[in-house]
C-alpha atoms as a PDB file:
ATOM      1  CA  MET A   1      -9.871  30.743   2.558  1.00  0.00           C
ATOM      2  CA  LYS A   2     -10.422  30.728  -1.091  1.00  0.00           C
ATOM      3  CA  PRO A   3      -8.753  27.564  -2.526  1.00  0.00           C
ATOM      4  CA  GLU A   4      -6.611  29.074  -4.669  1.00  0.00           C
ATOM      5  CA  LYS A   5      -4.835  31.047  -2.493  1.00  0.00           C
ATOM      6  CA  TYR A   6      -4.750  27.909  -0.250  1.00  0.00           C
ATOM      7  CA  LYS A   7      -3.025  26.592  -2.880  1.00  0.00           C
ATOM      8  CA  SER A   8      -0.422  28.920  -3.639  1.00  0.00           C
ATOM      9  CA  GLU A   9       0.675  29.143  -0.272  1.00  0.00           C
ATOM     10  CA  THR A  10       0.868  25.593   0.304  1.00  0.00           C
ATOM     11  CA  ILE A  11       2.978  25.568  -2.858  1.00  0.00           C
ATOM     12  CA  TYR A  12       5.188  28.312  -1.306  1.00  0.00           C
ATOM     13  CA  GLU A  13       5.579  26.262   1.720  1.00  0.00           C
ATOM     14  CA  TRP A  14       6.194  22.992  -0.253  1.00  0.00           C
ATOM     15  CA  ILE A  15       8.487  24.263  -2.151  1.00  0.00           C
ATOM     16  CA  ASP A  16      10.317  25.654   1.163  1.00  0.00           C
ATOM     17  CA  GLU A  17      10.169  22.649   2.555  1.00  0.00           C
ATOM     18  CA  MET A  18      11.926  20.844  -0.329  1.00  0.00           C
ATOM     19  CA  GLY A  19      15.118  23.094  -0.188  1.00  0.00           C
ATOM     20  CA  ASP A  20      15.634  21.800   2.979  1.00  0.00           C
ATOM     21  CA  LYS A  21      16.176  18.339   0.652  1.00  0.00           C
ATOM     22  CA  ILE A  22      16.940  19.315  -2.648  1.00  0.00           C
ATOM     23  CA  PRO A  23      20.495  21.280  -3.793  1.00  0.00           C
ATOM     24  CA  PHE A  24      18.643  23.673  -5.847  1.00  0.00           C
ATOM     25  CA  SER A  25      21.230  24.974  -8.240  1.00  0.00           C
ATOM     26  CA  ARG A  26      19.855  29.109  -7.188  1.00  0.00           C
ATOM     27  CA  PRO A  27      19.125  30.833  -4.576  1.00  0.00           C
ATOM     28  CA  LYS A  28      15.655  32.241  -4.095  1.00  0.00           C
ATOM     29  CA  LYS A  29      15.305  35.382  -5.251  1.00  0.00           C
ATOM     30  CA  ASN A  30      12.431  36.192  -7.256  1.00  0.00           C
ATOM     31  CA  PHE A  31       9.856  32.753  -7.614  1.00  0.00           C
ATOM     32  CA  ALA A  32       8.163  33.021 -11.000  1.00  0.00           C
ATOM     33  CA  ARG A  33      11.634  34.210 -12.468  1.00  0.00           C
ATOM     34  CA  ASP A  34      13.609  31.472 -10.454  1.00  0.00           C
ATOM     35  CA  PHE A  35      11.596  28.890 -12.091  1.00  0.00           C
ATOM     36  CA  SER A  36      10.753  30.560 -15.651  1.00  0.00           C
ATOM     37  CA  ASP A  37      13.506  28.446 -17.470  1.00  0.00           C
ATOM     38  CA  GLY A  38      12.133  25.369 -15.997  1.00  0.00           C
ATOM     39  CA  VAL A  39      15.738  24.200 -14.388  1.00  0.00           C
ATOM     40  CA  LEU A  40      14.324  24.194 -10.860  1.00  0.00           C
ATOM     41  CA  VAL A  41      11.217  21.995 -12.077  1.00  0.00           C
ATOM     42  CA  ALA A  42      14.055  19.979 -13.956  1.00  0.00           C
ATOM     43  CA  GLU A  43      16.105  19.590 -10.276  1.00  0.00           C
ATOM     44  CA  LEU A  44      12.595  18.951  -8.550  1.00  0.00           C
ATOM     45  CA  LEU A  45      11.219  16.457 -10.615  1.00  0.00           C
ATOM     46  CA  LYS A  46      14.795  14.745 -11.122  1.00  0.00           C
ATOM     47  CA  TYR A  47      14.548  14.179  -6.686  1.00  0.00           C
ATOM     48  CA  PHE A  48      11.407  12.564  -6.731  1.00  0.00           C
ATOM     49  CA  TYR A  49      11.516  10.863 -10.515  1.00  0.00           C
ATOM     50  CA  PRO A  50      15.533  10.699 -11.129  1.00  0.00           C
ATOM     51  CA  ARG A  51      15.078   7.732 -13.883  1.00  0.00           C
ATOM     52  CA  PHE A  52      12.411  10.496 -15.936  1.00  0.00           C
ATOM     53  CA  VAL A  53      14.805  13.247 -15.514  1.00  0.00           C
ATOM     54  CA  GLU A  54      18.432  14.159 -17.297  1.00  0.00           C
ATOM     55  CA  VAL A  55      18.836  17.432 -15.781  1.00  0.00           C
ATOM     56  CA  HIS A  56      21.479  18.244 -18.604  1.00  0.00           C
ATOM     57  CA  ASN A  57      19.236  18.758 -20.865  1.00  0.00           C
ATOM     58  CA  TYR A  58      17.849  22.044 -18.726  1.00  0.00           C
ATOM     59  CA  PRO A  59      20.362  24.260 -18.758  1.00  0.00           C
ATOM     60  CA  PRO A  60      19.909  27.743 -17.413  1.00  0.00           C
ATOM     61  CA  ALA A  61      18.333  29.856 -19.415  1.00  0.00           C
ATOM     62  CA  ASN A  62      17.774  33.977 -19.504  1.00  0.00           C
ATOM     63  CA  SER A  63      15.677  34.501 -23.217  1.00  0.00           C
ATOM     64  CA  TYR A  64      12.447  33.846 -23.393  1.00  0.00           C
ATOM     65  CA  ALA A  65      13.505  31.483 -26.842  1.00  0.00           C
ATOM     66  CA  LEU A  66      15.853  29.219 -24.877  1.00  0.00           C
ATOM     67  CA  LYS A  67      13.099  29.586 -21.873  1.00  0.00           C
ATOM     68  CA  LEU A  68      10.689  27.825 -24.306  1.00  0.00           C
ATOM     69  CA  GLU A  69      13.315  25.220 -25.469  1.00  0.00           C
ATOM     70  CA  ASN A  70      13.823  23.930 -21.907  1.00  0.00           C
ATOM     71  CA  TRP A  71       9.638  23.862 -21.276  1.00  0.00           C
ATOM     72  CA  ASN A  72       9.061  22.154 -24.805  1.00  0.00           C
ATOM     73  CA  THR A  73      11.961  19.881 -23.805  1.00  0.00           C
ATOM     74  CA  MET A  74      10.209  18.962 -20.378  1.00  0.00           C
ATOM     75  CA  ASN A  75       7.279  18.696 -22.151  1.00  0.00           C
ATOM     76  CA  ARG A  76       8.115  15.572 -24.804  1.00  0.00           C
ATOM     77  CA  LYS A  77      10.641  13.442 -22.611  1.00  0.00           C
ATOM     78  CA  VAL A  78       9.333  14.262 -19.154  1.00  0.00           C
ATOM     79  CA  MET A  79       5.430  15.286 -18.648  1.00  0.00           C
ATOM     80  CA  PRO A  80       4.421  12.228 -20.815  1.00  0.00           C
ATOM     81  CA  LYS A  81       6.125  10.246 -18.294  1.00  0.00           C
ATOM     82  CA  LEU A  82       3.847  11.838 -15.596  1.00  0.00           C
ATOM     83  CA  LYS A  83       0.981  11.950 -17.002  1.00  0.00           C
ATOM     84  CA  LEU A  84       1.194  15.619 -17.495  1.00  0.00           C
ATOM     85  CA  HIS A  85       1.067  17.810 -20.633  1.00  0.00           C
ATOM     86  CA  LEU A  86       1.696  21.451 -20.704  1.00  0.00           C
ATOM     87  CA  ASN A  87      -0.394  23.478 -23.930  1.00  0.00           C
ATOM     88  CA  SER A  88       1.332  25.804 -25.652  1.00  0.00           C
ATOM     89  CA  ASN A  89      -0.286  28.587 -23.807  1.00  0.00           C
ATOM     90  CA  LEU A  90       0.986  27.502 -20.235  1.00  0.00           C
ATOM     91  CA  ILE A  91       4.387  27.414 -21.614  1.00  0.00           C
ATOM     92  CA  GLU A  92       4.737  30.418 -22.647  1.00  0.00           C
ATOM     93  CA  GLU A  93       3.058  31.807 -19.693  1.00  0.00           C
ATOM     94  CA  LEU A  94       5.582  30.210 -17.612  1.00  0.00           C
ATOM     95  CA  SER A  95       9.192  31.638 -19.774  1.00  0.00           C
ATOM     96  CA  ARG A  96       7.200  34.812 -19.041  1.00  0.00           C
ATOM     97  CA  ALA A  97       7.724  34.392 -15.628  1.00  0.00           C
ATOM     98  CA  ASN A  98       4.024  34.687 -15.266  1.00  0.00           C
ATOM     99  CA  PRO A  99       3.246  33.909 -11.112  1.00  0.00           C
ATOM    100  CA  ARG A 100       0.162  32.344 -11.945  1.00  0.00           C
ATOM    101  CA  ALA A 101       1.337  29.997 -14.377  1.00  0.00           C
ATOM    102  CA  VAL A 102       4.362  28.851 -12.234  1.00  0.00           C
ATOM    103  CA  GLU A 103       2.040  28.519  -9.478  1.00  0.00           C
ATOM    104  CA  LYS A 104      -0.537  26.075 -11.625  1.00  0.00           C
ATOM    105  CA  LEU A 105       2.455  24.067 -12.987  1.00  0.00           C
ATOM    106  CA  LEU A 106       3.876  23.658  -9.405  1.00  0.00           C
ATOM    107  CA  VAL A 107      -0.088  22.463  -7.836  1.00  0.00           C
ATOM    108  CA  GLU A 108       0.167  20.011 -10.623  1.00  0.00           C
ATOM    109  CA  ILE A 109       3.500  18.349  -9.998  1.00  0.00           C
ATOM    110  CA  LYS A 110       2.892  18.402  -5.829  1.00  0.00           C
ATOM    111  CA  GLU A 111      -1.065  16.824  -6.508  1.00  0.00           C
ATOM    112  CA  LYS A 112       0.526  14.505  -8.814  1.00  0.00           C
ATOM    113  CA  ILE A 113       3.248  13.620  -6.534  1.00  0.00           C
ATOM    114  CA  ASP A 114       0.918  13.396  -3.168  1.00  0.00           C
ATOM    115  CA  SER A 115      -1.506  10.759  -5.237  1.00  0.00           C
ATOM    116  CA  VAL A 116       1.189   8.456  -5.987  1.00  0.00           C
ATOM    117  CA  LEU A 117       2.720   8.509  -2.273  1.00  0.00           C
ATOM    118  CA  SER A 118      -0.833   7.899  -1.124  1.00  0.00           C
ATOM    119  CA  ASP A 119      -1.761   5.215  -3.364  1.00  0.00           C
ATOM    120  CA  ASP A 120      -0.033   1.952  -3.136  1.00  0.00           C
ATOM    121  CA  SER A 121      -0.219   2.268  -7.318  1.00  0.00           C
ATOM    122  CA  LYS A 122       2.750   0.740  -9.542  1.00  0.00           C
ATOM    123  CA  ASP A 123       3.286   4.524 -10.388  1.00  0.00           C
ATOM    124  CA  SER A 124       5.149   4.589  -7.253  1.00  0.00           C
ATOM    125  CA  ASP A 125       7.980   2.759  -8.367  1.00  0.00           C
ATOM    126  CA  ASP A 126       8.864   5.089 -10.046  1.00  0.00           C
ATOM    127  CA  ILE A 127       9.760   7.053  -7.711  1.00  0.00           C
ATOM    128  CA  ILE A 128      11.793   5.309  -5.353  1.00  0.00           C
ATOM    129  CA  SER A 129      15.405   4.710  -7.892  1.00  0.00           C
ATOM    130  CA  PRO A 130      18.586   3.819  -7.057  1.00  0.00           C
ATOM    131  CA  GLU A 131      20.038   7.402  -7.774  1.00  0.00           C
ATOM    132  CA  ILE A 132      17.410   8.410  -4.567  1.00  0.00           C
ATOM    133  CA  SER A 133      19.495   8.344  -1.249  1.00  0.00           C
ATOM    134  CA  ASP A 134      20.209   5.941   0.632  1.00  0.00           C
ATOM    135  CA  GLU A 135      18.187   7.343   3.617  1.00  0.00           C
ATOM    136  CA  VAL A 136      14.881   7.037   4.514  1.00  0.00           C
ATOM    137  CA  MET A 137      12.871   9.855   3.139  1.00  0.00           C
ATOM    138  CA  LYS A 138       9.885  11.350   4.586  1.00  0.00           C
ATOM    139  CA  ILE A 139       7.895  12.924   2.164  1.00  0.00           C
ATOM    140  CA  PRO A 140       5.671  15.776   3.367  1.00  0.00           C
ATOM    141  CA  ILE A 141       1.663  14.957   2.154  1.00  0.00           C
ATOM    142  CA  SER A 142      -0.585  18.082   3.329  1.00  0.00           C
ATOM    143  CA  LYS A 143      -4.173  16.370   4.314  1.00  0.00           C
ATOM    144  CA  THR A 144      -5.632  18.091   7.284  1.00  0.00           C
ATOM    145  CA  ASP A 145      -7.917  20.138   7.551  1.00  0.00           C
ATOM    146  CA  ASP A 146      -6.353  21.635  10.592  1.00  0.00           C
ATOM    147  CA  GLY A 147      -3.296  22.682   8.578  1.00  0.00           C
ATOM    148  CA  GLU A 148      -1.063  19.660  10.060  1.00  0.00           C
ATOM    149  CA  LYS A 149       1.188  17.946   7.668  1.00  0.00           C
ATOM    150  CA  VAL A 150       1.190  14.232   7.631  1.00  0.00           C
ATOM    151  CA  TYR A 151       4.458  12.428   6.589  1.00  0.00           C
ATOM    152  CA  LYS A 152       5.228   9.530   4.822  1.00  0.00           C
ATOM    153  CA  LYS A 153       8.129   7.774   5.125  1.00  0.00           C
ATOM    154  CA  MET A 154       9.536   6.074   2.011  1.00  0.00           C
ATOM    155  CA  VAL A 155      12.480   3.419   2.088  1.00  0.00           C
ATOM    156  CA  PRO A 156      14.518   3.505  -1.562  1.00  0.00           C
ATOM    157  CA  ALA A 157      13.589   0.061  -2.897  1.00  0.00           C
ATOM    158  CA  ASN A 158      17.434   0.001  -3.393  1.00  0.00           C
ATOM    159  CA  LEU A 159      18.560  -0.018   0.499  1.00  0.00           C
ATOM    160  CA  LEU A 160      15.780  -2.496   0.637  1.00  0.00           C
ATOM    161  CA  GLU A 161      17.392  -4.992  -1.439  1.00  0.00           C
ATOM    162  CA  LYS A 162      20.780  -3.878  -0.376  1.00  0.00           C
ATOM    163  CA  LYS A 163      19.319  -5.002   3.238  1.00  0.00           C
ATOM    164  CA  ILE A 164      18.245  -8.550   2.350  1.00  0.00           C
ATOM    165  CA  VAL A 165      21.225  -9.373   0.090  1.00  0.00           C
ATOM    166  CA  GLU A 166      23.360  -8.350   3.250  1.00  0.00           C
ATOM    167  CA  VAL A 167      21.162 -10.031   5.851  1.00  0.00           C
ATOM    168  CA  LYS A 168      21.014 -13.577   3.502  1.00  0.00           C
ATOM    169  CA  GLU A 169      25.136 -13.143   3.153  1.00  0.00           C
ATOM    170  CA  LYS A 170      24.991 -12.572   7.149  1.00  0.00           C
ATOM    171  CA  ASP A 171      22.891 -15.666   6.727  1.00  0.00           C
ATOM    172  CA  LYS A 172      25.294 -17.586   4.701  1.00  0.00           C
ATOM    173  CA  THR A 173      28.522 -16.453   7.314  1.00  0.00           C
ATOM    174  CA  ILE A 174      26.686 -17.753  10.117  1.00  0.00           C
ATOM    175  CA  ASP A 175      26.083 -21.208   8.761  1.00  0.00           C
ATOM    176  CA  VAL A 176      29.179 -21.835   7.494  1.00  0.00           C
ATOM    177  CA  LEU A 177      31.049 -20.431  10.869  1.00  0.00           C
ATOM    178  CA  GLU A 178      28.577 -22.820  12.822  1.00  0.00           C
ATOM    179  CA  LYS A 179      29.695 -26.031  10.697  1.00  0.00           C
ATOM    180  CA  ARG A 180      32.695 -24.951  11.011  1.00  0.00           C
ATOM    181  CA  ILE A 181      32.546 -24.911  15.057  1.00  0.00           C
ATOM    182  CA  GLN A 182      30.872 -28.621  14.718  1.00  0.00           C
ATOM    183  CA  HIS A 183      34.212 -29.511  12.439  1.00  0.00           C
ATOM    184  CA  LEU A 184      36.413 -28.303  14.677  1.00  0.00           C
ATOM    185  CA  GLU A 185      34.462 -29.400  17.783  1.00  0.00           C
ATOM    186  CA  SER A 186      34.420 -32.918  16.871  1.00  0.00           C
ATOM    187  CA  LEU A 187      37.861 -32.730  16.107  1.00  0.00           C
ATOM    188  CA  LEU A 188      38.682 -31.820  19.876  1.00  0.00           C
ATOM    189  CA  ALA A 189      36.870 -34.645  20.732  1.00  0.00           C
ATOM    190  CA  LEU A 190      38.468 -36.857  18.554  1.00  0.00           C
ATOM    191  CA  LYS A 191      41.930 -35.547  19.641  1.00  0.00           C
ATOM    192  CA  GLU A 192      40.530 -35.952  23.335  1.00  0.00           C
ATOM    193  CA  THR A 193      39.576 -39.493  22.818  1.00  0.00           C
ATOM    194  CA  ARG A 194      43.343 -39.872  21.079  1.00  0.00           C
ATOM    195  CA  ILE A 195      45.286 -38.732  23.900  1.00  0.00           C
ATOM    196  CA  HIS A 196      42.683 -40.380  26.513  1.00  0.00           C
ATOM    197  CA  ASN A 197      43.676 -43.935  24.207  1.00  0.00           C
ATOM    198  CA  LEU A 198      47.817 -42.480  24.508  1.00  0.00           C
ATOM    199  CA  THR A 199      47.413 -42.206  27.932  1.00  0.00           C
ATOM    200  CA  MET A 200      45.906 -45.396  29.197  1.00  0.00           C
ATOM    201  CA  GLN A 201      48.260 -47.288  26.484  1.00  0.00           C
ATOM    202  CA  LEU A 202      51.608 -45.725  28.510  1.00  0.00           C
ATOM    203  CA  CYS A 203      49.953 -46.554  31.777  1.00  0.00           C
ATOM    204  CA  LYS A 204      49.528 -50.533  30.520  1.00  0.00           C
ATOM    205  CA  PRO A 205      52.937 -51.589  30.251  1.00  0.00           C
ATOM    206  CA  GLU A 206      54.096 -50.336  34.088  1.00  0.00           C
ATOM    207  CA  LYS A 207      51.084 -52.559  34.990  1.00  0.00           C
ATOM    208  CA  ASN A 208      52.524 -55.360  32.923  1.00  0.00           C
ATOM    209  CA  ASP A 209      55.460 -55.256  34.203  1.00  0.00           C
ATOM    210  CA  LEU A 210      54.407 -55.794  37.621  1.00  0.00           C
ATOM    211  CA  LEU A 211      52.495 -58.531  36.649  1.00  0.00           C
ATOM    212  CA  PHE A 212      54.588 -60.186  33.777  1.00  0.00           C
ATOM    213  CA  LYS A 213      58.113 -59.770  35.201  1.00  0.00           C
ATOM    214  CA  PRO A 214      60.319 -62.278  34.526  1.00  0.00           C
ATOM    215  CA  VAL A 215      61.323 -64.550  37.476  1.00  0.00           C
ATOM    216  CA  LYS A 216      64.970 -65.684  36.834  1.00  0.00           C
ATOM    217  CA  ARG A 217      65.692 -69.243  38.087  1.00  0.00           C
ATOM    218  CA  SER A 218      68.985 -70.676  38.670  1.00  0.00           C
ATOM    219  CA  LEU A 219      69.058 -73.553  37.701  1.00  0.00           C
ATOM    220  CA  LYS A 220      71.335 -76.754  39.200  1.00  0.00           C
ATOM    221  CA  PHE A 221      73.003 -78.779  37.480  1.00  0.00           C
ATOM    222  CA  GLN A 222      74.132 -82.358  38.961  1.00  0.00           C
ATOM    223  CA  ASN A 223      77.157 -83.943  37.811  1.00  0.00           C
END
């Protein structure tokens, strides 16, 4: 299998997989035409790089001129942050719905994402963002020669921070409750001591009455 054909088939499979994760704004009909105005690419990049992409900047377009405008906007605002660049010829071919141009761009985007995910580089921080769902993501990374896909689990940074805060708060709550329990136990012990002392005091008068009960003596007076 030729490398180009392999990449093309891989990219179609990848987009199909991403379709299960990303709520693309339009159903798949014609691959090249669907991606020709840049909207689906913007939505794809928004999923992985939410801080870099504002989807409203890329309205659906039918005319060639508006498609060019979308791609130029993306090339100016987003691509430099990804260290990618779309030359004028590629932008024109994308706007004309050239399948090879669309495949080329998507391959570059996928390779960029795979590279960032496979490396623990600082660029990977840009992929994980508060705007991503709090669920653990499984990002497909094709690495094996036999076609088996390797998945790397990524936990959003905001989820990790949230869990750390929750654990700290629970630890504080546990500490407060333990101190309250200790305080209540000391109060209970004190009350038991007081009850015991009072009980002892109540018992003492009865014994005293028996031991020190005054004796009446009759006095005889002599006339």
